[in-house]
C-alpha atoms as a PDB file:
ATOM      1  CA  MET A   1       7.082  -9.992 -18.777  1.00  0.00           C
ATOM      2  CA  ARG A   2       7.797  -6.064 -17.709  1.00  0.00           C
ATOM      3  CA  LEU A   3       7.190  -5.066 -14.286  1.00  0.00           C
ATOM      4  CA  ILE A   4       4.683  -2.420 -15.535  1.00  0.00           C
ATOM      5  CA  HIS A   5       2.761  -5.509 -16.939  1.00  0.00           C
ATOM      6  CA  VAL A   6       2.464  -6.996 -13.886  1.00  0.00           C
ATOM      7  CA  VAL A   7       1.199  -3.727 -12.061  1.00  0.00           C
ATOM      8  CA  LEU A   8      -1.323  -3.477 -14.471  1.00  0.00           C
ATOM      9  CA  PHE A   9      -2.555  -7.032 -14.217  1.00  0.00           C
ATOM     10  CA  VAL A  10      -2.670  -6.336 -10.444  1.00  0.00           C
ATOM     11  CA  LEU A  11      -4.538  -2.970 -11.215  1.00  0.00           C
ATOM     12  CA  LEU A  12      -6.969  -5.096 -13.332  1.00  0.00           C
ATOM     13  CA  LEU A  13      -7.296  -8.249 -10.562  1.00  0.00           C
ATOM     14  CA  ILE A  14      -8.430  -5.113  -8.097  1.00  0.00           C
ATOM     15  CA  ALA A  15     -10.831  -3.670 -10.444  1.00  0.00           C
ATOM     16  CA  GLY A  16     -12.501  -6.977 -10.736  1.00  0.00           C
ATOM     17  CA  LEU A  17     -12.659  -7.768  -7.447  1.00  0.00           C
ATOM     18  CA  ILE A  18     -13.861  -4.421  -6.561  1.00  0.00           C
ATOM     19  CA  GLY A  19     -16.782  -4.820  -9.418  1.00  0.00           C
ATOM     20  CA  TRP A  20     -17.453  -8.347  -8.056  1.00  0.00           C
ATOM     21  CA  ILE A  21     -17.999  -6.982  -4.447  1.00  0.00           C
ATOM     22  CA  LEU A  22     -20.128  -3.980  -5.867  1.00  0.00           C
ATOM     23  CA  VAL A  23     -22.560  -6.567  -7.722  1.00  0.00           C
ATOM     24  CA  SER A  24     -22.595  -8.992  -4.853  1.00  0.00           C
ATOM     25  CA  PRO A  25     -25.933  -9.083  -3.064  1.00  0.00           C
ATOM     26  CA  GLU A  26     -26.682  -6.600  -0.272  1.00  0.00           C
ATOM     27  CA  PRO A  27     -25.730  -8.386   3.297  1.00  0.00           C
ATOM     28  CA  PRO A  28     -28.621  -8.845   5.352  1.00  0.00           C
ATOM     29  CA  MET A  29     -29.154  -5.684   8.064  1.00  0.00           C
ATOM     30  CA  SER A  30     -26.367  -3.879   6.154  1.00  0.00           C
ATOM     31  CA  THR A  31     -28.164  -0.521   6.769  1.00  0.00           C
ATOM     32  CA  GLY A  32     -28.982  -1.587  10.206  1.00  0.00           C
ATOM     33  CA  GLY A  33     -32.861  -1.696  11.790  1.00  0.00           C
ATOM     34  CA  PRO A  34     -34.860  -0.166  14.215  1.00  0.00           C
ATOM     35  CA  HIS A  35     -33.410  -0.684  18.020  1.00  0.00           C
ATOM     36  CA  PRO A  36     -35.739  -2.682  19.984  1.00  0.00           C
ATOM     37  CA  GLU A  37     -35.570  -0.144  22.880  1.00  0.00           C
ATOM     38  CA  ILE A  38     -34.616   3.130  21.717  1.00  0.00           C
ATOM     39  CA  SER A  39     -36.572   4.883  19.220  1.00  0.00           C
ATOM     40  CA  GLY A  40     -34.295   6.546  16.440  1.00  0.00           C
ATOM     41  CA  MET A  41     -31.482   4.218  17.145  1.00  0.00           C
ATOM     42  CA  SER A  42     -30.457   1.509  14.765  1.00  0.00           C
ATOM     43  CA  VAL A  43     -28.899  -1.540  15.557  1.00  0.00           C
ATOM     44  CA  GLY A  44     -26.695  -3.657  13.080  1.00  0.00           C
ATOM     45  CA  GLY A  45     -27.466  -7.164  13.845  1.00  0.00           C
ATOM     46  CA  ASP A  46     -25.280  -9.939  13.380  1.00  0.00           C
ATOM     47  CA  GLY A  47     -21.647  -8.695  12.051  1.00  0.00           C
ATOM     48  CA  LEU A  48     -20.729 -12.113  10.952  1.00  0.00           C
ATOM     49  CA  ALA A  49     -23.613 -12.582   8.958  1.00  0.00           C
ATOM     50  CA  ARG A  50     -23.336  -9.053   7.574  1.00  0.00           C
ATOM     51  CA  VAL A  51     -19.607  -9.705   5.987  1.00  0.00           C
ATOM     52  CA  GLU A  52     -19.829 -13.500   5.539  1.00  0.00           C
ATOM     53  CA  ARG A  53     -20.139 -13.190   2.131  1.00  0.00           C
ATOM     54  CA  ILE A  54     -17.393 -10.766   0.975  1.00  0.00           C
ATOM     55  CA  PHE A  55     -15.000 -10.869   4.293  1.00  0.00           C
ATOM     56  CA  TRP A  56     -12.502 -12.852   2.901  1.00  0.00           C
ATOM     57  CA  LEU A  57     -12.803 -10.819  -0.668  1.00  0.00           C
ATOM     58  CA  GLY A  58     -12.085  -7.993   1.430  1.00  0.00           C
ATOM     59  CA  PHE A  59      -9.043  -9.770   2.838  1.00  0.00           C
ATOM     60  CA  VAL A  60      -7.697 -10.914  -1.117  1.00  0.00           C
ATOM     61  CA  LEU A  61      -8.175  -7.219  -1.852  1.00  0.00           C
ATOM     62  CA  GLN A  62      -6.140  -5.878   1.033  1.00  0.00           C
ATOM     63  CA  VAL A  63      -3.373  -8.639  -0.060  1.00  0.00           C
ATOM     64  CA  LEU A  64      -3.534  -7.178  -3.802  1.00  0.00           C
ATOM     65  CA  PHE A  65      -3.265  -3.800  -2.410  1.00  0.00           C
ATOM     66  CA  VAL A  66      -0.113  -4.682  -0.391  1.00  0.00           C
ATOM     67  CA  ILE A  67       1.397  -6.221  -3.363  1.00  0.00           C
ATOM     68  CA  LEU A  68       0.666  -3.107  -5.519  1.00  0.00           C
ATOM     69  CA  ILE A  69       2.491  -0.775  -3.253  1.00  0.00           C
ATOM     70  CA  HIS A  70       5.450  -3.051  -3.036  1.00  0.00           C
ATOM     71  CA  LEU A  71       5.361  -3.355  -7.054  1.00  0.00           C
ATOM     72  CA  LEU A  72       5.296   0.505  -7.287  1.00  0.00           C
ATOM     73  CA  VAL A  73       7.981   0.665  -5.192  1.00  0.00           C
ATOM     74  CA  ALA A  74      10.134  -1.562  -7.513  1.00  0.00           C
ATOM     75  CA  LEU A  75       9.014   0.430 -10.291  1.00  0.00           C
ATOM     76  CA  GLY A  76      10.700   3.529  -8.590  1.00  0.00           C
ATOM     77  CA  VAL A  77      13.989   1.688  -8.885  1.00  0.00           C
ATOM     78  CA  ALA A  78      16.024   1.708 -12.071  1.00  0.00           C
ATOM     79  CA  SER A  79      15.904  -1.856 -13.417  1.00  0.00           C
ATOM     80  CA  HIS A  80      19.471  -2.081 -13.197  1.00  0.00           C
ATOM     81  CA  ASN A  81      19.459  -1.462  -9.545  1.00  0.00           C
ATOM     82  CA  ARG A  82      16.744  -3.982  -8.919  1.00  0.00           C
ATOM     83  CA  THR A  83      19.477  -6.526  -7.676  1.00  0.00           C
ATOM     84  CA  ALA A  84      18.772  -9.727  -5.500  1.00  0.00           C
ATOM     85  CA  ALA A  85      19.218  -7.811  -2.301  1.00  0.00           C
ATOM     86  CA  PHE A  86      16.636  -5.471  -3.436  1.00  0.00           C
ATOM     87  CA  TRP A  87      14.004  -7.790  -4.382  1.00  0.00           C
ATOM     88  CA  MET A  88      15.130  -9.890  -1.168  1.00  0.00           C
ATOM     89  CA  SER A  89      14.476  -7.000   1.313  1.00  0.00           C
ATOM     90  CA  LEU A  90      11.314  -5.830  -0.702  1.00  0.00           C
ATOM     91  CA  ALA A  91       9.931  -9.301  -0.494  1.00  0.00           C
ATOM     92  CA  GLY A  92      10.658  -9.201   3.224  1.00  0.00           C
ATOM     93  CA  ALA A  93       8.971  -6.145   3.761  1.00  0.00           C
ATOM     94  CA  GLY A  94       6.194  -7.475   1.659  1.00  0.00           C
ATOM     95  CA  LEU A  95       5.705 -10.884   3.579  1.00  0.00           C
ATOM     96  CA  VAL A  96       5.640  -8.626   6.912  1.00  0.00           C
ATOM     97  CA  SER A  97       3.029  -6.264   5.372  1.00  0.00           C
ATOM     98  CA  LEU A  98       0.925  -9.422   4.574  1.00  0.00           C
ATOM     99  CA  TRP A  99       1.549 -11.028   7.883  1.00  0.00           C
ATOM    100  CA  VAL A 100      -0.011  -7.966   9.304  1.00  0.00           C
ATOM    101  CA  CYS A 101      -2.844  -8.123   7.085  1.00  0.00           C
ATOM    102  CA  TRP A 102      -3.572 -11.517   7.798  1.00  0.00           C
ATOM    103  CA  LYS A 103      -3.556 -10.705  11.561  1.00  0.00           C
ATOM    104  CA  ILE A 104      -6.000  -7.663  11.008  1.00  0.00           C
ATOM    105  CA  PHE A 105      -8.342  -9.937   9.260  1.00  0.00           C
ATOM    106  CA  SER A 106      -8.128 -13.312  11.489  1.00  0.00           C
ATOM    107  CA  SER A 107      -8.407 -11.293  14.661  1.00  0.00           C
ATOM    108  CA  TYR A 108     -11.727  -9.544  13.448  1.00  0.00           C
ATOM    109  CA  ALA A 109     -13.158 -12.807  12.426  1.00  0.00           C
ATOM    110  CA  GLN A 110     -12.102 -14.339  15.619  1.00  0.00           C
ATOM    111  CA  PHE A 111     -14.092 -11.420  17.260  1.00  0.00           C
ATOM    112  CA  LEU A 112     -17.301 -11.946  14.968  1.00  0.00           C
ATOM    113  CA  GLU A 113     -17.174 -15.647  15.656  1.00  0.00           C
ATOM    114  CA  THR A 114     -16.526 -15.369  19.381  1.00  0.00           C
ATOM    115  CA  GLY A 115     -17.719 -12.028  20.412  1.00  0.00           C
ATOM    116  CA  GLU A 116     -14.639 -11.528  22.589  1.00  0.00           C
ATOM    117  CA  THR A 117     -11.268  -9.965  22.162  1.00  0.00           C
ATOM    118  CA  GLY A 118      -8.475  -9.276  23.888  1.00  0.00           C
ATOM    119  CA  TYR A 119      -6.704  -5.480  24.257  1.00  0.00           C
ATOM    120  CA  PHE A 120      -3.508  -4.146  23.447  1.00  0.00           C
ATOM    121  CA  LEU A 121      -2.441  -0.581  24.784  1.00  0.00           C
ATOM    122  CA  GLY A 122      -6.136   0.472  25.035  1.00  0.00           C
ATOM    123  CA  PHE A 123      -7.258  -1.208  21.802  1.00  0.00           C
ATOM    124  CA  PRO A 124      -9.068  -4.133  21.112  1.00  0.00           C
ATOM    125  CA  ILE A 125      -6.903  -6.411  19.428  1.00  0.00           C
ATOM    126  CA  ALA A 126      -7.998  -6.372  15.671  1.00  0.00           C
ATOM    127  CA  SER A 127      -7.839  -2.072  15.891  1.00  0.00           C
ATOM    128  CA  ALA A 128      -4.490  -2.695  17.680  1.00  0.00           C
ATOM    129  CA  TRP A 129      -3.120  -4.549  14.601  1.00  0.00           C
ATOM    130  CA  MET A 130      -4.428  -1.452  12.463  1.00  0.00           C
ATOM    131  CA  MET A 131      -3.129   1.145  14.486  1.00  0.00           C
ATOM    132  CA  PHE A 132       0.403  -0.467  15.047  1.00  0.00           C
ATOM    133  CA  GLY A 133       1.071  -3.112  12.626  1.00  0.00           C
ATOM    134  CA  ILE A 134       0.202  -1.132   9.312  1.00  0.00           C
ATOM    135  CA  TRP A 135       2.541   1.530   9.873  1.00  0.00           C
ATOM    136  CA  LEU A 136       5.001  -0.321  11.383  1.00  0.00           C
ATOM    137  CA  SER A 137       5.199  -2.702   8.472  1.00  0.00           C
ATOM    138  CA  GLY A 138       5.187   0.378   6.105  1.00  0.00           C
ATOM    139  CA  ALA A 139       7.924   1.848   7.952  1.00  0.00           C
ATOM    140  CA  LEU A 140      10.156  -1.180   6.818  1.00  0.00           C
ATOM    141  CA  LEU A 141       9.946   0.333   3.111  1.00  0.00           C
ATOM    142  CA  ALA A 142      10.987   3.738   4.315  1.00  0.00           C
ATOM    143  CA  VAL A 143      14.157   1.839   6.037  1.00  0.00           C
ATOM    144  CA  ILE A 144      14.940  -0.029   2.828  1.00  0.00           C
ATOM    145  CA  TYR A 145      14.869   3.603   1.093  1.00  0.00           C
ATOM    146  CA  VAL A 146      17.183   4.869   3.752  1.00  0.00           C
ATOM    147  CA  VAL A 147      19.359   2.093   3.964  1.00  0.00           C
ATOM    148  CA  GLY A 148      19.642   1.365   0.515  1.00  0.00           C
ATOM    149  CA  PHE A 149      19.559   4.615  -1.027  1.00  0.00           C
ATOM    150  CA  ARG A 150      22.782   4.514  -2.192  1.00  0.00           C
ATOM    151  CA  ARG A 151      22.943   0.790  -3.337  1.00  0.00           C
ATOM    152  CA  PHE A 152      19.384   0.651  -5.028  1.00  0.00           C
ATOM    153  CA  VAL A 153      18.024   4.452  -5.896  1.00  0.00           C
ATOM    154  CA  PHE A 154      21.132   6.402  -6.720  1.00  0.00           C
ATOM    155  CA  THR A 155      23.923   4.797  -6.851  1.00  0.00           C
ATOM    156  CA  VAL A 156      27.426   6.132  -7.190  1.00  0.00           C
ATOM    157  CA  GLU A 157      27.386   4.986 -10.855  1.00  0.00           C
ATOM    158  CA  ASP A 158      24.424   6.841 -11.450  1.00  0.00           C
ATOM    159  CA  GLU A 159      25.549   9.703  -9.745  1.00  0.00           C
ATOM    160  CA  ALA A 160      28.568   9.951 -12.098  1.00  0.00           C
ATOM    161  CA  ALA A 161      26.506   9.128 -15.213  1.00  0.00           C
ATOM    162  CA  PHE A 162      24.374  12.268 -14.268  1.00  0.00           C
ATOM    163  CA  GLU A 163      27.519  14.302 -13.421  1.00  0.00           C
ATOM    164  CA  LEU A 164      28.750  13.296 -16.955  1.00  0.00           C
ATOM    165  CA  LEU A 165      25.691  14.162 -18.654  1.00  0.00           C
ATOM    166  CA  GLU A 166      25.376  17.833 -16.800  1.00  0.00           C
ATOM    167  CA  ALA A 167      28.949  18.416 -17.922  1.00  0.00           C
ATOM    168  CA  GLN A 168      28.095  17.577 -21.659  1.00  0.00           C
ATOM    169  CA  ALA A 169      24.984  19.517 -21.411  1.00  0.00           C
ATOM    170  CA  ARG A 170      27.022  22.652 -20.027  1.00  0.00           C
ATOM    171  CA  ARG A 171      29.466  22.435 -22.933  1.00  0.00           C
ATOM    172  CA  THR A 172      27.356  22.204 -25.633  1.00  0.00           C
ATOM    173  CA  SER A 173      24.723  24.649 -24.091  1.00  0.00           C
ATOM    174  CA  ARG A 174      25.163  28.647 -25.865  1.00  0.00           C
ATOM    175  CA  PRO A 175      25.123  31.108 -23.412  1.00  0.00           C
ATOM    176  CA  THR A 176      22.238  33.313 -23.520  1.00  0.00           C
ATOM    177  CA  PRO A 177      23.044  37.008 -24.326  1.00  0.00           C
ATOM    178  CA  PRO A 178      22.424  39.487 -21.539  1.00  0.00           C
ATOM    179  CA  LEU A 179      18.939  41.596 -21.711  1.00  0.00           C
ATOM    180  CA  PRO A 180      18.821  44.984 -22.847  1.00  0.00           C
ATOM    181  CA  PRO A 181      18.974  47.390 -19.698  1.00  0.00           C
ATOM    182  CA  GLU A 182      15.266  48.657 -20.552  1.00  0.00           C
ATOM    183  CA  GLN A 183      14.017  44.649 -20.377  1.00  0.00           C
ATOM    184  CA  THR A 184      15.860  43.966 -16.976  1.00  0.00           C
ATOM    185  CA  ALA A 185      13.637  46.204 -14.945  1.00  0.00           C
END
């Protein structure tokens, strides 16, 4: 199976999951209810009850998006440059991203069950994972790109082949005749 077919399969899974979430019954109190003391204000009610039907579907959706991102990165690398070292580094970055997703969801689930959370740099734990974990795990992809650029993206062999192609194109192209003076102005 070609990589593009795997990307298509993951996209179909994402579409199916989104469709499943869209047609699932509306959670109780999803639009809120009247506040018992302050008129004009709404309350959300039990957070765990609102998300229990689709909470883990949201987690699976996030996992599929992380997989899709990493597959698209792989798709951007020429197939002859997708070495074992490339796949290992991409898999490592993917595992870190999946771990961060798990920490986000599990810390949020723990908060919904207990109503208590810790804090990190002024953020509740689940929010801190969102703020710092997501971009740090994504930064691993940038590190792979920068460190592995000459090894995976544009190798010395790729550059030599490009320069040869460029030289052949220059030799076979006909020079364009100069424009008459009245058309140059």
